Amino acid sequence: MFRFETGAYFWLLLLIPLLIFYYLRYLSWRKKSVRRLGNEAIVGQLLPTPIPGRSTTKMVLSMLAIVSAIFGLVNLQAGDQSSSVMRKGVDVVFAIDVSKSMLAKDISPDRLSRAKLLVQSMLNKMSNDKVGLVLFAGRAYLQSPLTMDYGTIKMLLNTTNTSSAPTQGTVLSDAIAMSQEAFDKRDRKFKTIVLISDGEDHDEKAVELAQQAAEDGIIIHTIGIGSPNGAPIFDPETGSNKLDENGQQVITKLNEAVLKEVAEAGKGTYQLLANNNQAVTNLSNEIAKMESRNMGANMFLHYKSYYQYFLLFSLVLILVNVFIPGTRKVKLQLV
């Protein structure tokens, strides 16, 4: 099996007709210039005389050298051996709170940005797990079903903001229910939900739904984000902190109690997001403890590169071109 590793370099082949065009223009210009100097026979005795056909030969060699160099850049490869690696993993749904309270800056730069960074860091450590994404506030929305395309999840995270869920609030139960829908109901294991929220304005059904999820084999880990002491909510529309109807700053506080209850009911763990790296390590360790399932086999085909032969051939053509004379000197005959 053959392939070109960096086929984009083939666009450089468009230079060939362009160079040929300018070469022909040069020959035409040179011929006209000689005529303007005077009698061609006399001028020819004063200038180096081109060897018939030699100029075309050197041009062809130059073009071949460029083409060969381009083929070296695209790197022709041939598959010489293959191997198979069995993949094992679990299904993970990240549920992120995108309510307005997540704009509080009690954790830098703000709660929502740190939540997104946590998920991105987790994705960087994953390889064989299927991942889904749920965003929630007053309602929950499935942004991505379970997939191994981590690039798509990261792209969705980049566009995530508090407008991603129009209905405000913090309905943890809806987030759990929507996350459950993303899983294959035929499996009663290999499934986990990572719920990231400040837990404020929660509903009372969250713990009950977490227990039901655990009965279905779904483990729920919760991540508390923010400060229990509270912080004002930054309003990006006004560029200042949000005020209530009495002109007082609206303070949002992390509700650790409900997040701990949900994690306990979901047979998972709770942790306060303070250090991103530590949180990622703890989560990764918890997921690694889970029983994993076969996710299929990956076939890897090993390739041998041949770019060096094209580059060597290009170098040889250049050297040959350099040492081939294009003109010969003509002795001036004095009368």
Protein backbone atom coordinates (compact mmCIF):
# COMPACT_ATOMS: atom_id res chain seq x y z
CA MET A 1 0.00 0.00 0.00
CA PHE A 2 1.43 3.34 -1.05
CA ARG A 3 0.63 6.83 0.20
CA PHE A 4 2.02 10.36 0.25
CA GLU A 5 2.57 11.61 3.80
CA THR A 6 2.26 15.34 3.02
CA GLY A 7 0.37 15.52 -0.26
CA ALA A 8 -0.25 19.27 0.12
CA TYR A 9 3.21 19.89 -1.33
CA PHE A 10 1.93 18.69 -4.70
CA TRP A 11 0.61 22.22 -5.14
CA LEU A 12 4.22 23.22 -5.75
CA LEU A 13 4.03 21.41 -9.10
CA LEU A 14 2.09 24.43 -10.34
CA LEU A 15 5.44 26.24 -10.35
CA ILE A 16 6.64 24.10 -13.27
CA PRO A 17 4.46 25.61 -16.04
CA LEU A 18 5.08 29.05 -14.54
CA LEU A 19 8.86 28.59 -14.69
CA ILE A 20 8.66 27.26 -18.25
CA PHE A 21 6.61 30.31 -19.25
CA TYR A 22 9.16 32.73 -17.82
CA TYR A 23 12.02 30.74 -19.37
CA LEU A 24 10.46 31.10 -22.83
CA ARG A 25 9.89 34.79 -22.15
CA TYR A 26 13.56 35.10 -21.22
CA LEU A 27 14.69 33.45 -24.48
CA SER A 28 12.48 35.82 -26.46
CA TRP A 29 13.76 38.83 -24.54
CA ARG A 30 17.38 37.77 -24.98
CA LYS A 31 16.99 37.32 -28.73
CA LYS A 32 15.38 40.75 -29.11
CA SER A 33 18.05 42.36 -26.95
CA VAL A 34 20.84 40.91 -29.13
CA ARG A 35 19.13 42.26 -32.24
CA ARG A 36 18.94 45.74 -30.72
CA LEU A 37 22.67 45.72 -30.09
CA GLY A 38 23.47 45.45 -33.79
CA ASN A 39 24.41 42.82 -36.34
CA GLU A 40 23.79 39.40 -34.83
CA ALA A 41 26.94 37.90 -36.37
CA ILE A 42 29.14 40.62 -34.90
CA VAL A 43 27.38 40.68 -31.52
CA GLY A 44 27.68 36.89 -31.39
CA GLN A 45 31.48 37.26 -31.54
CA LEU A 46 31.39 39.56 -28.53
CA LEU A 47 29.04 37.41 -26.35
CA PRO A 48 29.31 33.79 -25.22
CA THR A 49 27.71 31.60 -27.86
CA PRO A 50 24.95 29.22 -26.72
CA ILE A 51 25.60 25.58 -27.57
CA PRO A 52 22.70 24.39 -29.75
CA GLY A 53 20.16 22.44 -27.66
CA ARG A 54 22.20 22.84 -24.48
CA SER A 55 19.96 25.54 -23.01
CA THR A 56 16.89 23.31 -23.40
CA THR A 57 18.76 20.39 -21.84
CA LYS A 58 19.72 22.46 -18.78
CA MET A 59 16.15 23.69 -18.44
CA VAL A 60 14.77 20.14 -18.56
CA LEU A 61 17.31 19.04 -15.93
CA SER A 62 16.29 21.95 -13.71
CA MET A 63 12.60 21.09 -14.01
CA LEU A 64 13.26 17.42 -13.25
CA ALA A 65 15.31 18.42 -10.19
CA ILE A 66 12.44 20.56 -8.89
CA VAL A 67 9.87 17.81 -9.52
CA SER A 68 12.06 15.26 -7.77
CA ALA A 69 12.52 17.60 -4.80
CA ILE A 70 8.76 18.06 -4.56
CA PHE A 71 8.24 14.28 -4.53
CA GLY A 72 10.81 14.19 -1.73
CA LEU A 73 8.77 16.72 0.25
CA VAL A 74 5.49 14.80 -0.13
CA ASN A 75 7.36 11.68 1.05
CA LEU A 76 6.23 8.60 -0.82
CA GLN A 77 5.65 5.78 1.67
CA ALA A 78 4.93 2.08 1.36
CA GLY A 79 3.27 -0.05 4.04
CA ASP A 80 5.60 -2.86 4.99
CA GLN A 81 4.01 -4.38 8.12
CA SER A 82 0.88 -4.09 10.23
CA SER A 83 -0.05 -4.68 13.85
CA SER A 84 -3.29 -4.90 15.81
CA VAL A 85 -3.91 -3.35 19.24
CA MET A 86 -7.01 -4.19 21.28
CA ARG A 87 -8.67 -1.11 22.82
CA LYS A 88 -10.49 -1.11 26.16
CA GLY A 89 -12.39 1.79 27.66
CA VAL A 90 -15.53 3.12 29.31
CA ASP A 91 -18.29 5.59 28.44
CA VAL A 92 -17.95 9.02 30.06
CA VAL A 93 -20.45 11.89 29.86
CA PHE A 94 -19.25 15.30 31.03
CA ALA A 95 -22.15 17.43 32.27
CA ILE A 96 -21.19 21.10 32.65
CA ASP A 97 -23.22 23.75 34.45
CA VAL A 98 -23.54 26.82 32.18
CA SER A 99 -25.83 28.91 34.38
CA LYS A 100 -25.05 32.61 34.91
CA SER A 101 -23.58 31.87 38.34
CA MET A 102 -20.72 30.08 36.55
CA LEU A 103 -19.43 33.53 35.50
CA ALA A 104 -18.36 34.25 39.07
CA LYS A 105 -14.64 34.90 39.33
CA ASP A 106 -13.95 33.32 42.73
CA ILE A 107 -11.80 30.86 40.79
CA SER A 108 -9.62 32.30 38.04
CA PRO A 109 -10.51 33.30 35.38
CA ASP A 110 -14.10 32.26 36.18
CA ARG A 111 -16.00 29.10 37.12
CA LEU A 112 -17.10 28.17 33.61
CA SER A 113 -13.65 28.64 32.07
CA ARG A 114 -12.10 26.40 34.72
CA ALA A 115 -14.78 23.76 34.15
CA LYS A 116 -14.06 23.75 30.43
CA LEU A 117 -10.30 23.57 31.09
CA LEU A 118 -10.84 20.56 33.37
CA VAL A 119 -12.72 18.67 30.63
CA GLN A 120 -10.11 19.57 28.02
CA SER A 121 -7.36 18.30 30.32
CA MET A 122 -9.27 15.06 30.85
CA LEU A 123 -9.64 14.59 27.09
CA ASN A 124 -5.89 15.02 26.69
CA LYS A 125 -5.34 12.04 28.99
CA MET A 126 -7.98 9.82 27.40
CA SER A 127 -7.41 7.54 24.43
CA ASN A 128 -9.86 4.62 24.29
CA ASP A 129 -12.91 5.95 26.13
CA LYS A 130 -16.10 7.17 24.48
CA VAL A 131 -17.03 10.68 25.56
CA GLY A 132 -20.30 12.64 25.49
CA LEU A 133 -21.06 16.25 26.43
CA VAL A 134 -24.13 17.67 28.20
CA LEU A 135 -24.64 21.36 29.03
CA PHE A 136 -27.25 22.37 31.57
CA ALA A 137 -28.76 25.26 33.46
CA GLY A 138 -32.55 25.44 33.85
CA ARG A 139 -32.69 22.60 31.30
CA ALA A 140 -30.13 20.11 30.02
CA TYR A 141 -29.00 19.84 26.39
CA LEU A 142 -27.06 17.01 24.77
CA GLN A 143 -24.25 18.69 22.83
CA SER A 144 -22.55 15.51 21.67
CA PRO A 145 -23.50 11.82 21.86
CA LEU A 146 -20.85 9.34 22.89
CA THR A 147 -17.91 9.52 20.49
CA MET A 148 -14.18 8.91 20.31
CA ASP A 149 -13.73 12.06 18.26
CA TYR A 150 -12.19 14.14 21.04
CA GLY A 151 -11.47 16.95 18.58
CA THR A 152 -15.20 17.53 18.12
CA ILE A 153 -15.76 17.66 21.88
CA LYS A 154 -12.95 20.21 22.26
CA MET A 155 -14.43 22.31 19.46
CA LEU A 156 -17.83 22.30 21.21
CA LEU A 157 -16.17 23.29 24.47
CA ASN A 158 -14.55 26.29 22.80
CA THR A 159 -17.99 27.62 21.83
CA THR A 160 -19.62 26.84 25.18
CA ASN A 161 -20.89 29.83 27.19
CA THR A 162 -23.80 30.76 29.43
CA SER A 163 -25.97 31.30 26.34
CA SER A 164 -25.66 27.60 25.47
CA ALA A 165 -28.61 26.90 27.77
CA PRO A 166 -31.24 29.66 27.38
CA THR A 167 -33.26 28.61 30.46
CA GLN A 168 -31.51 29.67 33.65
CA GLY A 169 -31.22 27.76 36.92
CA THR A 170 -29.22 24.74 38.06
CA VAL A 171 -31.31 21.64 37.45
CA LEU A 172 -28.94 18.82 38.39
CA SER A 173 -31.65 16.18 37.95
CA ASP A 174 -32.21 17.19 34.33
CA ALA A 175 -28.46 16.98 33.72
CA ILE A 176 -28.34 13.47 35.18
CA ALA A 177 -31.41 12.35 33.19
CA MET A 178 -30.02 13.72 29.91
CA SER A 179 -26.64 12.09 30.57
CA GLN A 180 -28.38 8.75 31.17
CA GLU A 181 -30.07 9.01 27.79
CA ALA A 182 -26.64 9.19 26.11
CA PHE A 183 -25.67 5.71 27.35
CA ASP A 184 -26.44 2.35 25.81
CA LYS A 185 -29.20 0.96 28.00
CA ARG A 186 -28.14 -2.60 27.24
CA ASP A 187 -25.02 -2.16 29.40
CA ARG A 188 -25.24 -2.03 33.17
CA LYS A 189 -21.61 -1.06 33.67
CA PHE A 190 -18.72 0.75 31.94
CA LYS A 191 -20.62 4.07 32.41
CA THR A 192 -19.84 7.23 34.38
CA ILE A 193 -21.07 10.82 34.60
CA VAL A 194 -18.76 13.67 35.58
CA LEU A 195 -21.01 16.46 36.86
CA ILE A 196 -19.32 19.88 37.12
CA SER A 197 -21.34 22.59 38.88
CA ASP A 198 -21.51 25.14 41.68
CA GLY A 199 -24.68 23.36 42.85
CA GLU A 200 -26.61 26.59 43.41
CA ASP A 201 -30.41 26.76 42.95
CA HIS A 202 -30.55 22.99 42.55
CA ASP A 203 -33.73 20.94 42.48
CA GLU A 204 -34.60 18.25 45.01
CA LYS A 205 -34.82 15.34 42.56
CA ALA A 206 -31.06 15.19 41.88
CA VAL A 207 -30.21 12.75 44.70
CA GLU A 208 -33.12 10.47 43.81
CA LEU A 209 -32.09 10.35 40.14
CA ALA A 210 -28.48 9.73 41.14
CA GLN A 211 -29.61 6.65 43.10
CA GLN A 212 -31.59 5.38 40.12
CA ALA A 213 -28.58 5.93 37.86
CA ALA A 214 -26.40 3.94 40.24
CA GLU A 215 -28.90 1.09 40.09
CA ASP A 216 -28.48 1.15 36.30
CA GLY A 217 -24.71 0.78 36.68
CA ILE A 218 -23.83 4.46 36.19
CA ILE A 219 -21.24 5.97 38.51
CA ILE A 220 -21.58 9.72 39.13
CA HIS A 221 -18.57 11.84 40.11
CA THR A 222 -19.23 15.47 41.03
CA ILE A 223 -16.85 18.42 40.84
CA GLY A 224 -17.62 21.47 42.95
CA ILE A 225 -16.44 24.71 41.41
CA GLY A 226 -16.40 28.06 43.20
CA SER A 227 -16.17 29.27 46.78
CA PRO A 228 -18.54 28.37 49.65
CA ASN A 229 -18.08 31.96 50.86
CA GLY A 230 -19.62 33.26 47.66
CA ALA A 231 -18.69 35.76 44.97
CA PRO A 232 -20.48 38.32 42.78
CA ILE A 233 -21.64 37.28 39.29
CA PHE A 234 -19.90 39.11 36.48
CA ASP A 235 -22.24 40.32 33.74
CA PRO A 236 -20.41 40.44 30.36
CA GLU A 237 -23.21 42.53 28.84
CA THR A 238 -22.68 45.43 31.26
CA GLY A 239 -19.02 44.77 32.03
CA SER A 240 -19.76 44.86 35.76
CA ASN A 241 -21.14 42.66 38.51
CA LYS A 242 -24.81 41.67 38.37
CA LEU A 243 -27.19 43.62 40.64
CA ASP A 244 -30.56 42.63 42.07
CA GLU A 245 -33.72 44.77 41.96
CA ASN A 246 -32.53 46.67 45.05
CA GLY A 247 -29.20 47.58 43.44
CA GLN A 248 -27.24 45.11 45.56
CA GLN A 249 -24.64 42.75 44.12
CA VAL A 250 -25.93 39.23 43.51
CA ILE A 251 -23.75 36.75 45.42
CA THR A 252 -23.44 33.12 44.32
CA LYS A 253 -22.15 30.45 46.68
CA LEU A 254 -20.88 26.95 46.01
CA ASN A 255 -23.28 24.37 47.44
CA GLU A 256 -20.98 21.51 48.34
CA ALA A 257 -23.58 19.67 50.37
CA VAL A 258 -25.85 18.78 47.44
CA LEU A 259 -22.91 17.82 45.21
CA LYS A 260 -21.59 15.49 47.91
CA GLU A 261 -25.05 13.93 48.30
CA VAL A 262 -25.33 13.34 44.54
CA ALA A 263 -21.88 11.76 44.42
CA GLU A 264 -22.66 9.51 47.38
CA ALA A 265 -25.98 8.45 45.89
CA GLY A 266 -24.27 7.84 42.54
CA LYS A 267 -21.55 5.70 44.20
CA GLY A 268 -18.92 8.14 42.97
CA THR A 269 -16.66 10.75 44.48
CA TYR A 270 -16.83 14.47 45.13
CA GLN A 271 -13.94 16.89 44.94
CA LEU A 272 -13.59 20.64 45.09
CA LEU A 273 -11.85 22.01 42.01
CA ALA A 274 -8.87 23.91 43.37
CA ASN A 275 -5.89 22.45 41.52
CA ASN A 276 -6.71 21.45 37.94
CA ASN A 277 -3.91 18.89 37.61
CA GLN A 278 -4.82 17.22 40.89
CA ALA A 279 -8.49 17.04 39.92
CA VAL A 280 -7.60 15.47 36.55
CA THR A 281 -5.36 12.92 38.27
CA ASN A 282 -8.04 11.99 40.80
CA LEU A 283 -10.72 11.65 38.14
CA SER A 284 -8.47 9.63 35.84
CA ASN A 285 -7.63 7.26 38.70
CA GLU A 286 -11.31 6.75 39.52
CA ILE A 287 -12.19 6.03 35.89
CA ALA A 288 -9.21 3.67 35.60
CA LYS A 289 -10.62 1.62 38.49
CA MET A 290 -13.80 0.91 36.52
CA GLU A 291 -14.28 -2.30 34.62
CA SER A 292 -13.61 -1.55 30.97
CA ARG A 293 -14.98 -3.22 27.88
CA ASN A 294 -13.48 -4.11 24.53
CA MET A 295 -13.86 -1.18 22.16
CA GLY A 296 -12.57 -3.06 19.12
CA ALA A 297 -9.14 -3.45 17.59
CA ASN A 298 -7.05 -0.75 15.99
CA MET A 299 -5.01 -1.78 12.97
CA PHE A 300 -1.72 0.05 12.58
CA LEU A 301 0.14 -0.10 9.28
CA HIS A 302 3.81 0.77 9.49
CA TYR A 303 5.22 2.70 6.56
CA LYS A 304 8.68 2.95 5.05
CA SER A 305 9.65 6.34 3.61
CA TYR A 306 11.41 6.91 0.28
CA TYR A 307 11.83 10.71 0.35
CA GLN A 308 15.63 10.43 0.58
CA TYR A 309 15.91 8.80 -2.85
CA PHE A 310 14.00 11.63 -4.53
CA LEU A 311 16.07 14.27 -2.76
CA LEU A 312 19.29 12.50 -3.71
CA PHE A 313 18.17 12.27 -7.35
CA SER A 314 17.33 15.98 -7.28
CA LEU A 315 20.79 16.79 -5.93
CA VAL A 316 22.46 14.71 -8.65
CA LEU A 317 20.47 16.51 -11.36
CA ILE A 318 21.47 19.88 -9.92
CA LEU A 319 25.17 18.91 -9.90
CA VAL A 320 24.99 17.58 -13.46
CA ASN A 321 23.28 20.80 -14.53
CA VAL A 322 25.97 22.91 -12.90
CA PHE A 323 28.84 21.13 -14.65
CA ILE A 324 27.24 21.05 -18.12
CA PRO A 325 28.38 24.17 -19.99
CA GLY A 326 25.60 26.10 -21.68
CA THR A 327 27.77 28.30 -23.87
CA ARG A 328 31.14 28.26 -25.56
CA LYS A 329 33.54 31.08 -25.96
CA VAL A 330 34.20 32.36 -29.47
CA LYS A 331 37.58 33.91 -30.26
CA LEU A 332 37.23 37.34 -31.72
CA GLN A 333 38.79 37.48 -35.19
CA LEU A 334 40.59 40.74 -35.89
CA VAL A 335 40.90 41.87 -39.49
